Amino acid sequence: MFKRVVLVAAFVLIFALAATGIFYMQAKHTAIKEKAQADAVQKTENLKAEDVHVYRADDIASGCSSEDKLFCAIERTIKCTMEPELSDCQGELVPAFVLGKTQDAERPTEVSFKVTKIKPIPDSTDVSVYTESDCNAMWFGLCKGTVVYTLSFKGNDDWAVTNVYALE
């Protein structure tokens, strides 16, 4: 009987320690993501100026033209929209449809955008970046007017665009 009590107590203790460790690690991971979100939003506020960023398919290269990580994630998505064969175009960093083969939708060869608003998504570590965009193709309606990029923190100080949608 004593062995059973000790065995059950040991099992409960191990389970409690494991659960505490998991909760601690999740809280720490969430805190890191929240700090990254706050830092990225603060740094990207500089992009909300009147800067219009223009990209042409015949003049783009891999890499980012800024040190701002949110900006780089948006820039990567725009470049991959025009040229999905670029080395930076990886499935985990841009929405899958951007890299897909499209027969009915013509890819734009020129895209411009201006950041108008940066908004943390409540109860999440994601960020929405609102832009005023224009392009020379329809591209599912996702590069003309108000285009919103949803970004998620991927670790290592890197962000990825997880969704793109347009507002009327």
C-alpha atoms as a PDB file:
ATOM      1  CA  MET A   1       0.000   0.000   0.000  1.00  0.00           C
ATOM      2  CA  PHE A   2       2.813   2.386   0.922  1.00  0.00           C
ATOM      3  CA  LYS A   3       4.480   1.721  -2.465  1.00  0.00           C
ATOM      4  CA  ARG A   4       1.278   2.668  -4.280  1.00  0.00           C
ATOM      5  CA  VAL A   5       0.980   5.939  -2.395  1.00  0.00           C
ATOM      6  CA  VAL A   6       4.615   6.801  -3.100  1.00  0.00           C
ATOM      7  CA  LEU A   7       4.214   5.819  -6.774  1.00  0.00           C
ATOM      8  CA  VAL A   8       1.047   7.916  -7.169  1.00  0.00           C
ATOM      9  CA  ALA A   9       2.662  10.863  -5.345  1.00  0.00           C
ATOM     10  CA  ALA A  10       5.740  10.617  -7.577  1.00  0.00           C
ATOM     11  CA  PHE A  11       3.549  10.494 -10.676  1.00  0.00           C
ATOM     12  CA  VAL A  12       1.543  13.533  -9.535  1.00  0.00           C
ATOM     13  CA  LEU A  13       4.748  15.425  -8.726  1.00  0.00           C
ATOM     14  CA  ILE A  14       6.281  14.660 -12.133  1.00  0.00           C
ATOM     15  CA  PHE A  15       3.041  15.630 -13.879  1.00  0.00           C
ATOM     16  CA  ALA A  16       2.840  18.897 -11.906  1.00  0.00           C
ATOM     17  CA  LEU A  17       6.452  19.777 -12.712  1.00  0.00           C
ATOM     18  CA  ALA A  18       5.931  19.025 -16.411  1.00  0.00           C
ATOM     19  CA  ALA A  19       2.738  21.088 -16.541  1.00  0.00           C
ATOM     20  CA  THR A  20       4.433  23.982 -14.739  1.00  0.00           C
ATOM     21  CA  GLY A  21       7.345  23.812 -17.177  1.00  0.00           C
ATOM     22  CA  ILE A  22       5.022  23.829 -20.181  1.00  0.00           C
ATOM     23  CA  PHE A  23       3.022  26.786 -18.859  1.00  0.00           C
ATOM     24  CA  TYR A  24       6.229  28.664 -18.058  1.00  0.00           C
ATOM     25  CA  MET A  25       7.651  28.060 -21.533  1.00  0.00           C
ATOM     26  CA  GLN A  26       4.391  29.086 -23.214  1.00  0.00           C
ATOM     27  CA  ALA A  27       4.234  32.272 -21.158  1.00  0.00           C
ATOM     28  CA  LYS A  28       7.856  33.063 -21.962  1.00  0.00           C
ATOM     29  CA  HIS A  29       7.292  32.365 -25.681  1.00  0.00           C
ATOM     30  CA  THR A  30       4.177  34.577 -25.687  1.00  0.00           C
ATOM     31  CA  ALA A  31       6.063  37.359 -23.892  1.00  0.00           C
ATOM     32  CA  ILE A  32       8.852  37.183 -26.493  1.00  0.00           C
ATOM     33  CA  LYS A  33       6.305  37.365 -29.328  1.00  0.00           C
ATOM     34  CA  GLU A  34       4.473  40.267 -27.687  1.00  0.00           C
ATOM     35  CA  LYS A  35       7.722  42.165 -27.211  1.00  0.00           C
ATOM     36  CA  ALA A  36       8.643  41.497 -30.848  1.00  0.00           C
ATOM     37  CA  GLN A  37       5.205  42.773 -31.900  1.00  0.00           C
ATOM     38  CA  ALA A  38       5.564  45.971 -29.859  1.00  0.00           C
ATOM     39  CA  ASP A  39       9.140  46.550 -31.057  1.00  0.00           C
ATOM     40  CA  ALA A  40       8.213  45.976 -34.702  1.00  0.00           C
ATOM     41  CA  VAL A  41       5.214  48.297 -34.556  1.00  0.00           C
ATOM     42  CA  GLN A  42       7.306  51.006 -32.906  1.00  0.00           C
ATOM     43  CA  LYS A  43      10.111  50.701 -35.484  1.00  0.00           C
ATOM     44  CA  THR A  44       7.706  50.581 -38.416  1.00  0.00           C
ATOM     45  CA  GLU A  45       5.956  53.783 -37.369  1.00  0.00           C
ATOM     46  CA  ASN A  46       8.671  55.559 -39.374  1.00  0.00           C
ATOM     47  CA  LEU A  47       7.288  53.972 -42.545  1.00  0.00           C
ATOM     48  CA  LYS A  48       3.923  55.654 -42.112  1.00  0.00           C
ATOM     49  CA  ALA A  49       5.352  58.802 -43.645  1.00  0.00           C
ATOM     50  CA  GLU A  50       4.491  59.805 -47.182  1.00  0.00           C
ATOM     51  CA  ASP A  51       7.003  57.321 -48.625  1.00  0.00           C
ATOM     52  CA  VAL A  52       5.676  55.496 -51.665  1.00  0.00           C
ATOM     53  CA  HIS A  53       7.626  52.344 -52.389  1.00  0.00           C
ATOM     54  CA  VAL A  54       7.704  51.249 -56.047  1.00  0.00           C
ATOM     55  CA  TYR A  55       8.786  47.858 -57.399  1.00  0.00           C
ATOM     56  CA  ARG A  56       9.193  46.759 -61.004  1.00  0.00           C
ATOM     57  CA  ALA A  57       9.556  43.108 -62.021  1.00  0.00           C
ATOM     58  CA  ASP A  58      12.471  43.863 -64.350  1.00  0.00           C
ATOM     59  CA  ASP A  59      14.372  45.585 -61.536  1.00  0.00           C
ATOM     60  CA  ILE A  60      13.871  43.481 -58.404  1.00  0.00           C
ATOM     61  CA  ALA A  61      16.369  41.349 -56.555  1.00  0.00           C
ATOM     62  CA  SER A  62      16.334  39.141 -53.487  1.00  0.00           C
ATOM     63  CA  GLY A  63      16.930  40.789 -50.150  1.00  0.00           C
ATOM     64  CA  CYS A  64      15.361  43.735 -48.406  1.00  0.00           C
ATOM     65  CA  SER A  65      15.925  47.435 -48.927  1.00  0.00           C
ATOM     66  CA  SER A  66      15.261  48.231 -45.250  1.00  0.00           C
ATOM     67  CA  GLU A  67      16.306  47.038 -41.819  1.00  0.00           C
ATOM     68  CA  ASP A  68      12.682  47.111 -40.640  1.00  0.00           C
ATOM     69  CA  LYS A  69      11.436  43.510 -40.335  1.00  0.00           C
ATOM     70  CA  LEU A  70       7.720  44.238 -40.902  1.00  0.00           C
ATOM     71  CA  PHE A  71       8.559  46.244 -43.991  1.00  0.00           C
ATOM     72  CA  CYS A  72      10.825  43.443 -45.253  1.00  0.00           C
ATOM     73  CA  ALA A  73       8.007  40.897 -44.892  1.00  0.00           C
ATOM     74  CA  ILE A  74       5.668  43.068 -46.982  1.00  0.00           C
ATOM     75  CA  GLU A  75       8.380  43.811 -49.526  1.00  0.00           C
ATOM     76  CA  ARG A  76       9.146  40.073 -49.817  1.00  0.00           C
ATOM     77  CA  THR A  77       5.472  39.315 -50.488  1.00  0.00           C
ATOM     78  CA  ILE A  78       5.260  42.005 -53.170  1.00  0.00           C
ATOM     79  CA  LYS A  79       8.442  40.808 -54.861  1.00  0.00           C
ATOM     80  CA  CYS A  80       7.233  37.196 -54.736  1.00  0.00           C
ATOM     81  CA  THR A  81       3.901  38.265 -56.219  1.00  0.00           C
ATOM     82  CA  MET A  82       5.779  39.596 -59.239  1.00  0.00           C
ATOM     83  CA  GLU A  83       8.580  36.988 -59.388  1.00  0.00           C
ATOM     84  CA  PRO A  84       7.770  33.839 -57.343  1.00  0.00           C
ATOM     85  CA  GLU A  85      11.078  32.251 -58.424  1.00  0.00           C
ATOM     86  CA  LEU A  86      13.192  34.630 -56.299  1.00  0.00           C
ATOM     87  CA  SER A  87      15.336  32.905 -53.680  1.00  0.00           C
ATOM     88  CA  ASP A  88      13.544  34.760 -50.839  1.00  0.00           C
ATOM     89  CA  CYS A  89      10.174  33.281 -51.851  1.00  0.00           C
ATOM     90  CA  GLN A  90       9.692  30.516 -49.318  1.00  0.00           C
ATOM     91  CA  GLY A  91       6.312  29.029 -48.509  1.00  0.00           C
ATOM     92  CA  GLU A  92       6.531  29.685 -44.773  1.00  0.00           C
ATOM     93  CA  LEU A  93       7.267  33.399 -45.284  1.00  0.00           C
ATOM     94  CA  VAL A  94       4.571  34.360 -47.816  1.00  0.00           C
ATOM     95  CA  PRO A  95       0.973  33.215 -48.313  1.00  0.00           C
ATOM     96  CA  ALA A  96       0.820  30.039 -50.425  1.00  0.00           C
ATOM     97  CA  PHE A  97      -1.356  31.569 -53.150  1.00  0.00           C
ATOM     98  CA  VAL A  98       1.402  34.102 -53.912  1.00  0.00           C
ATOM     99  CA  LEU A  99       3.697  31.294 -55.044  1.00  0.00           C
ATOM    100  CA  GLY A 100       1.020  29.271 -56.824  1.00  0.00           C
ATOM    101  CA  LYS A 101       0.859  28.836 -60.573  1.00  0.00           C
ATOM    102  CA  THR A 102      -1.880  31.039 -61.965  1.00  0.00           C
ATOM    103  CA  GLN A 103      -3.223  30.712 -65.463  1.00  0.00           C
ATOM    104  CA  ASP A 104      -6.202  33.015 -65.154  1.00  0.00           C
ATOM    105  CA  ALA A 105      -4.659  35.807 -63.078  1.00  0.00           C
ATOM    106  CA  GLU A 106      -1.909  37.878 -64.622  1.00  0.00           C
ATOM    107  CA  ARG A 107       0.877  38.753 -62.201  1.00  0.00           C
ATOM    108  CA  PRO A 108       1.622  42.454 -61.865  1.00  0.00           C
ATOM    109  CA  THR A 109       4.926  43.753 -63.210  1.00  0.00           C
ATOM    110  CA  GLU A 110       4.769  47.005 -61.242  1.00  0.00           C
ATOM    111  CA  VAL A 111       3.521  47.496 -57.684  1.00  0.00           C
ATOM    112  CA  SER A 112       3.597  50.546 -55.436  1.00  0.00           C
ATOM    113  CA  PHE A 113       2.428  50.980 -51.870  1.00  0.00           C
ATOM    114  CA  LYS A 114       2.445  53.386 -48.965  1.00  0.00           C
ATOM    115  CA  VAL A 115       1.967  52.274 -45.343  1.00  0.00           C
ATOM    116  CA  THR A 116      -1.023  54.085 -43.843  1.00  0.00           C
ATOM    117  CA  LYS A 117      -1.640  52.315 -40.538  1.00  0.00           C
ATOM    118  CA  ILE A 118      -0.028  49.655 -38.356  1.00  0.00           C
ATOM    119  CA  LYS A 119      -2.307  47.918 -35.922  1.00  0.00           C
ATOM    120  CA  PRO A 120      -1.557  45.095 -33.462  1.00  0.00           C
ATOM    121  CA  ILE A 121      -4.271  42.435 -33.600  1.00  0.00           C
ATOM    122  CA  PRO A 122      -5.974  42.139 -30.183  1.00  0.00           C
ATOM    123  CA  ASP A 123      -5.452  38.884 -28.244  1.00  0.00           C
ATOM    124  CA  SER A 124      -2.729  37.912 -30.680  1.00  0.00           C
ATOM    125  CA  THR A 125       0.903  38.603 -31.418  1.00  0.00           C
ATOM    126  CA  ASP A 126       0.083  39.304 -35.071  1.00  0.00           C
ATOM    127  CA  VAL A 127       0.109  42.734 -36.697  1.00  0.00           C
ATOM    128  CA  SER A 128      -1.997  44.228 -39.487  1.00  0.00           C
ATOM    129  CA  VAL A 129      -0.309  46.703 -41.808  1.00  0.00           C
ATOM    130  CA  TYR A 130      -2.677  48.809 -43.907  1.00  0.00           C
ATOM    131  CA  THR A 131      -1.390  50.166 -47.206  1.00  0.00           C
ATOM    132  CA  GLU A 132      -2.587  52.233 -50.107  1.00  0.00           C
ATOM    133  CA  SER A 133      -1.452  50.172 -53.062  1.00  0.00           C
ATOM    134  CA  ASP A 134      -1.515  50.199 -56.831  1.00  0.00           C
ATOM    135  CA  CYS A 135      -0.378  47.808 -59.540  1.00  0.00           C
ATOM    136  CA  ASN A 136      -0.704  47.225 -63.273  1.00  0.00           C
ATOM    137  CA  ALA A 137      -2.750  43.997 -63.047  1.00  0.00           C
ATOM    138  CA  MET A 138      -5.813  42.757 -61.175  1.00  0.00           C
ATOM    139  CA  TRP A 139      -4.006  40.007 -59.173  1.00  0.00           C
ATOM    140  CA  PHE A 140      -7.180  38.877 -57.416  1.00  0.00           C
ATOM    141  CA  GLY A 141      -7.841  42.508 -56.464  1.00  0.00           C
ATOM    142  CA  LEU A 142      -5.024  42.345 -53.902  1.00  0.00           C
ATOM    143  CA  CYS A 143      -2.802  45.165 -55.088  1.00  0.00           C
ATOM    144  CA  LYS A 144      -5.148  48.079 -55.745  1.00  0.00           C
ATOM    145  CA  GLY A 145      -6.655  50.344 -53.123  1.00  0.00           C
ATOM    146  CA  THR A 146      -6.462  49.586 -49.417  1.00  0.00           C
ATOM    147  CA  VAL A 147      -4.532  46.342 -49.051  1.00  0.00           C
ATOM    148  CA  VAL A 148      -4.010  44.862 -45.590  1.00  0.00           C
ATOM    149  CA  TYR A 149      -1.136  42.518 -44.777  1.00  0.00           C
ATOM    150  CA  THR A 150      -1.408  40.298 -41.700  1.00  0.00           C
ATOM    151  CA  LEU A 151       2.005  39.438 -40.296  1.00  0.00           C
ATOM    152  CA  SER A 152       3.074  36.838 -37.750  1.00  0.00           C
ATOM    153  CA  PHE A 153       6.296  36.700 -35.790  1.00  0.00           C
ATOM    154  CA  LYS A 154       8.314  33.651 -36.828  1.00  0.00           C
ATOM    155  CA  GLY A 155      11.207  33.927 -34.370  1.00  0.00           C
ATOM    156  CA  ASN A 156      14.802  34.979 -34.958  1.00  0.00           C
ATOM    157  CA  ASP A 157      13.543  38.551 -35.342  1.00  0.00           C
ATOM    158  CA  ASP A 158      11.746  37.539 -38.560  1.00  0.00           C
ATOM    159  CA  TRP A 159       8.174  38.210 -39.648  1.00  0.00           C
ATOM    160  CA  ALA A 160       6.063  36.521 -42.312  1.00  0.00           C
ATOM    161  CA  VAL A 161       2.967  37.685 -44.167  1.00  0.00           C
ATOM    162  CA  THR A 162       0.268  35.121 -43.413  1.00  0.00           C
ATOM    163  CA  ASN A 163      -2.673  36.790 -45.142  1.00  0.00           C
ATOM    164  CA  VAL A 164      -3.393  39.559 -47.625  1.00  0.00           C
ATOM    165  CA  TYR A 165      -6.808  41.091 -48.177  1.00  0.00           C
ATOM    166  CA  ALA A 166      -8.252  44.207 -49.751  1.00  0.00           C
ATOM    167  CA  LEU A 167     -10.830  46.608 -48.335  1.00  0.00           C
ATOM    168  CA  GLU A 168     -13.386  48.274 -50.550  1.00  0.00           C
END
